[in-house]
Amino acid sequence: MVNDNEPISKRLAALVAERHLRRPTVEELTGLSRSSIYDLMAKNAFPRPVRLTGKAVAWPESAIAEWLAQRPKTDAA
């Protein structure tokens, strides 16, 4: 979480330090296909990526980790 009372340089360092994941890595980590990721995003059920450049996007690793942690746990049979 961003603290507005911190100096901008410290806030920027926190944002830059976070790793961002490209779509193939997100697919691999979540087990979801490209279309499933975008369908869930349309339903506000999956984190949205951030824009890296005019065309490139990536997901903050923390957003994917949080989404995975919120998934229902299943019992191994």
N, C-alpha and C. Protein backbone atom coordinates (compact mmCIF):
# COMPACT_ATOMS: atom_id res chain seq x y z
N MET A 1 0.84 -1.17 0.00
CA MET A 1 0.00 0.00 0.00
C MET A 1 0.89 1.24 0.00
N VAL A 2 0.49 2.24 -0.74
CA VAL A 2 1.27 3.46 -0.86
C VAL A 2 0.92 4.40 0.28
N ASN A 3 1.95 4.93 0.90
CA ASN A 3 1.79 5.90 1.97
C ASN A 3 2.10 7.27 1.39
N ASP A 4 1.09 8.14 1.31
CA ASP A 4 1.28 9.46 0.71
C ASP A 4 2.19 10.36 1.52
N ASN A 5 2.48 10.00 2.77
CA ASN A 5 3.34 10.82 3.61
C ASN A 5 4.83 10.53 3.38
N GLU A 6 5.13 9.46 2.67
CA GLU A 6 6.52 9.11 2.38
C GLU A 6 7.04 9.99 1.25
N PRO A 7 8.33 10.25 1.24
CA PRO A 7 8.91 11.02 0.12
C PRO A 7 8.66 10.29 -1.20
N ILE A 8 8.50 11.04 -2.25
CA ILE A 8 8.20 10.45 -3.55
C ILE A 8 9.29 9.48 -4.00
N SER A 9 10.54 9.75 -3.66
CA SER A 9 11.62 8.85 -4.07
C SER A 9 11.46 7.48 -3.43
N LYS A 10 11.00 7.44 -2.19
CA LYS A 10 10.80 6.16 -1.51
C LYS A 10 9.61 5.42 -2.11
N ARG A 11 8.54 6.16 -2.43
CA ARG A 11 7.36 5.54 -3.05
C ARG A 11 7.71 5.00 -4.43
N LEU A 12 8.48 5.75 -5.19
CA LEU A 12 8.89 5.32 -6.52
C LEU A 12 9.76 4.08 -6.44
N ALA A 13 10.68 4.04 -5.48
CA ALA A 13 11.55 2.88 -5.30
C ALA A 13 10.73 1.63 -5.00
N ALA A 14 9.67 1.78 -4.20
CA ALA A 14 8.82 0.63 -3.88
C ALA A 14 8.10 0.12 -5.12
N LEU A 15 7.66 1.03 -5.98
CA LEU A 15 6.97 0.62 -7.20
C LEU A 15 7.92 -0.03 -8.19
N VAL A 16 9.09 0.52 -8.34
CA VAL A 16 10.07 0.00 -9.30
C VAL A 16 10.61 -1.35 -8.84
N ALA A 17 10.72 -1.53 -7.53
CA ALA A 17 11.31 -2.75 -6.99
C ALA A 17 10.42 -3.96 -7.23
N GLU A 18 9.11 -3.74 -7.41
CA GLU A 18 8.22 -4.88 -7.60
C GLU A 18 8.43 -5.50 -8.98
N ARG A 19 8.44 -6.80 -8.99
CA ARG A 19 8.60 -7.55 -10.24
C ARG A 19 7.26 -7.56 -10.98
N HIS A 20 7.31 -7.43 -12.28
CA HIS A 20 6.11 -7.48 -13.11
C HIS A 20 6.19 -8.71 -14.01
N LEU A 21 5.06 -9.38 -14.15
CA LEU A 21 5.00 -10.64 -14.89
C LEU A 21 4.28 -10.43 -16.21
N ARG A 22 4.86 -10.96 -17.27
CA ARG A 22 4.22 -10.90 -18.58
C ARG A 22 3.19 -12.03 -18.68
N ARG A 23 2.29 -11.93 -19.66
CA ARG A 23 1.17 -12.85 -19.76
C ARG A 23 1.54 -14.34 -19.79
N PRO A 24 2.54 -14.78 -20.54
CA PRO A 24 2.86 -16.21 -20.52
C PRO A 24 3.22 -16.72 -19.11
N THR A 25 3.89 -15.89 -18.34
CA THR A 25 4.24 -16.28 -16.97
C THR A 25 2.99 -16.33 -16.10
N VAL A 26 2.09 -15.37 -16.29
CA VAL A 26 0.83 -15.36 -15.53
C VAL A 26 0.02 -16.60 -15.88
N GLU A 27 -0.02 -16.96 -17.16
CA GLU A 27 -0.73 -18.17 -17.57
C GLU A 27 -0.13 -19.40 -16.88
N GLU A 28 1.18 -19.48 -16.86
CA GLU A 28 1.86 -20.62 -16.25
C GLU A 28 1.59 -20.70 -14.75
N LEU A 29 1.66 -19.57 -14.06
CA LEU A 29 1.46 -19.56 -12.61
C LEU A 29 0.02 -19.87 -12.21
N THR A 30 -0.93 -19.37 -13.00
CA THR A 30 -2.34 -19.53 -12.64
C THR A 30 -2.99 -20.77 -13.24
N GLY A 31 -2.41 -21.27 -14.32
CA GLY A 31 -3.03 -22.39 -15.01
C GLY A 31 -4.19 -21.95 -15.90
N LEU A 32 -4.33 -20.64 -16.10
CA LEU A 32 -5.41 -20.10 -16.92
C LEU A 32 -4.92 -19.82 -18.33
N SER A 33 -5.83 -19.93 -19.28
CA SER A 33 -5.51 -19.58 -20.65
C SER A 33 -5.63 -18.06 -20.83
N ARG A 34 -5.13 -17.58 -21.93
CA ARG A 34 -5.22 -16.15 -22.23
C ARG A 34 -6.66 -15.67 -22.21
N SER A 35 -7.54 -16.42 -22.88
CA SER A 35 -8.95 -16.00 -22.95
C SER A 35 -9.60 -16.03 -21.57
N SER A 36 -9.25 -17.00 -20.74
CA SER A 36 -9.82 -17.06 -19.38
C SER A 36 -9.37 -15.87 -18.54
N ILE A 37 -8.11 -15.48 -18.68
CA ILE A 37 -7.60 -14.32 -17.94
C ILE A 37 -8.40 -13.08 -18.33
N TYR A 38 -8.58 -12.85 -19.63
CA TYR A 38 -9.29 -11.65 -20.07
C TYR A 38 -10.78 -11.72 -19.76
N ASP A 39 -11.37 -12.92 -19.79
CA ASP A 39 -12.78 -13.07 -19.38
C ASP A 39 -12.95 -12.71 -17.91
N LEU A 40 -12.04 -13.20 -17.06
CA LEU A 40 -12.11 -12.89 -15.63
C LEU A 40 -11.87 -11.40 -15.38
N MET A 41 -10.96 -10.80 -16.13
CA MET A 41 -10.73 -9.35 -16.00
C MET A 41 -12.00 -8.58 -16.34
N ALA A 42 -12.73 -9.00 -17.36
CA ALA A 42 -13.96 -8.32 -17.76
C ALA A 42 -15.03 -8.42 -16.67
N LYS A 43 -14.95 -9.47 -15.86
CA LYS A 43 -15.89 -9.68 -14.75
C LYS A 43 -15.35 -9.12 -13.44
N ASN A 44 -14.24 -8.39 -13.51
CA ASN A 44 -13.56 -7.85 -12.32
C ASN A 44 -13.20 -8.94 -11.32
N ALA A 45 -12.84 -10.11 -11.84
CA ALA A 45 -12.49 -11.24 -10.99
C ALA A 45 -11.02 -11.61 -11.11
N PHE A 46 -10.24 -10.78 -11.78
CA PHE A 46 -8.82 -11.03 -11.96
C PHE A 46 -8.13 -9.67 -12.03
N PRO A 47 -6.92 -9.55 -11.46
CA PRO A 47 -6.24 -8.26 -11.48
C PRO A 47 -5.96 -7.77 -12.90
N ARG A 48 -6.01 -6.48 -13.06
CA ARG A 48 -5.69 -5.87 -14.35
C ARG A 48 -4.19 -5.60 -14.43
N PRO A 49 -3.64 -5.68 -15.63
CA PRO A 49 -2.21 -5.40 -15.79
C PRO A 49 -1.93 -3.91 -15.76
N VAL A 50 -0.68 -3.58 -15.66
CA VAL A 50 -0.24 -2.18 -15.78
C VAL A 50 0.47 -2.03 -17.11
N ARG A 51 0.41 -0.85 -17.68
CA ARG A 51 1.04 -0.59 -18.97
C ARG A 51 2.52 -0.31 -18.75
N LEU A 52 3.36 -1.04 -19.48
CA LEU A 52 4.80 -0.82 -19.42
C LEU A 52 5.26 0.13 -20.51
N THR A 53 4.69 -0.05 -21.69
CA THR A 53 4.98 0.82 -22.84
C THR A 53 3.67 1.03 -23.57
N GLY A 54 3.73 1.57 -24.76
CA GLY A 54 2.53 1.78 -25.55
C GLY A 54 1.75 0.51 -25.83
N LYS A 55 2.46 -0.60 -25.97
CA LYS A 55 1.81 -1.88 -26.29
C LYS A 55 1.97 -2.94 -25.21
N ALA A 56 3.03 -2.88 -24.44
CA ALA A 56 3.35 -3.94 -23.48
C ALA A 56 2.67 -3.72 -22.14
N VAL A 57 2.09 -4.80 -21.61
CA VAL A 57 1.51 -4.77 -20.26
C VAL A 57 2.09 -5.92 -19.45
N ALA A 58 1.97 -5.80 -18.14
CA ALA A 58 2.43 -6.85 -17.24
C ALA A 58 1.65 -6.72 -15.93
N TRP A 59 1.62 -7.81 -15.19
CA TRP A 59 0.91 -7.83 -13.92
C TRP A 59 1.90 -7.73 -12.77
N PRO A 60 1.62 -6.89 -11.77
CA PRO A 60 2.48 -6.87 -10.59
C PRO A 60 2.46 -8.25 -9.94
N GLU A 61 3.62 -8.75 -9.60
CA GLU A 61 3.71 -10.09 -9.00
C GLU A 61 2.86 -10.18 -7.74
N SER A 62 2.80 -9.11 -6.96
CA SER A 62 2.01 -9.12 -5.72
C SER A 62 0.52 -9.28 -6.00
N ALA A 63 0.02 -8.72 -7.10
CA ALA A 63 -1.38 -8.84 -7.45
C ALA A 63 -1.73 -10.28 -7.81
N ILE A 64 -0.83 -10.94 -8.54
CA ILE A 64 -1.07 -12.34 -8.91
C ILE A 64 -0.96 -13.24 -7.67
N ALA A 65 0.02 -12.98 -6.82
CA ALA A 65 0.18 -13.77 -5.60
C ALA A 65 -1.05 -13.63 -4.70
N GLU A 66 -1.57 -12.41 -4.60
CA GLU A 66 -2.77 -12.19 -3.77
C GLU A 66 -3.97 -12.90 -4.37
N TRP A 67 -4.13 -12.83 -5.69
CA TRP A 67 -5.24 -13.51 -6.35
C TRP A 67 -5.14 -15.02 -6.11
N LEU A 68 -3.95 -15.59 -6.26
CA LEU A 68 -3.77 -17.02 -6.03
C LEU A 68 -4.07 -17.40 -4.58
N ALA A 69 -3.67 -16.56 -3.63
CA ALA A 69 -3.90 -16.84 -2.21
C ALA A 69 -5.39 -16.83 -1.87
N GLN A 70 -6.18 -16.08 -2.63
CA GLN A 70 -7.62 -15.98 -2.38
C GLN A 70 -8.41 -17.11 -3.02
N ARG A 71 -7.76 -17.91 -3.84
CA ARG A 71 -8.46 -19.01 -4.51
C ARG A 71 -8.85 -20.06 -3.49
N PRO A 72 -9.99 -20.71 -3.67
CA PRO A 72 -10.38 -21.78 -2.74
C PRO A 72 -9.35 -22.92 -2.73
N LYS A 73 -9.09 -23.44 -1.56
CA LYS A 73 -8.18 -24.56 -1.42
C LYS A 73 -8.95 -25.86 -1.65
N THR A 74 -8.29 -26.82 -2.29
CA THR A 74 -8.93 -28.12 -2.50
C THR A 74 -8.15 -29.18 -1.75
N ASP A 75 -8.85 -30.19 -1.33
CA ASP A 75 -8.20 -31.32 -0.64
C ASP A 75 -7.61 -32.24 -1.68
N ALA A 76 -6.37 -32.65 -1.46
CA ALA A 76 -5.74 -33.61 -2.35
C ALA A 76 -6.36 -34.98 -2.11
N ALA A 77 -6.81 -35.61 -3.15
CA ALA A 77 -7.48 -36.92 -2.99
C ALA A 77 -6.51 -38.05 -3.11
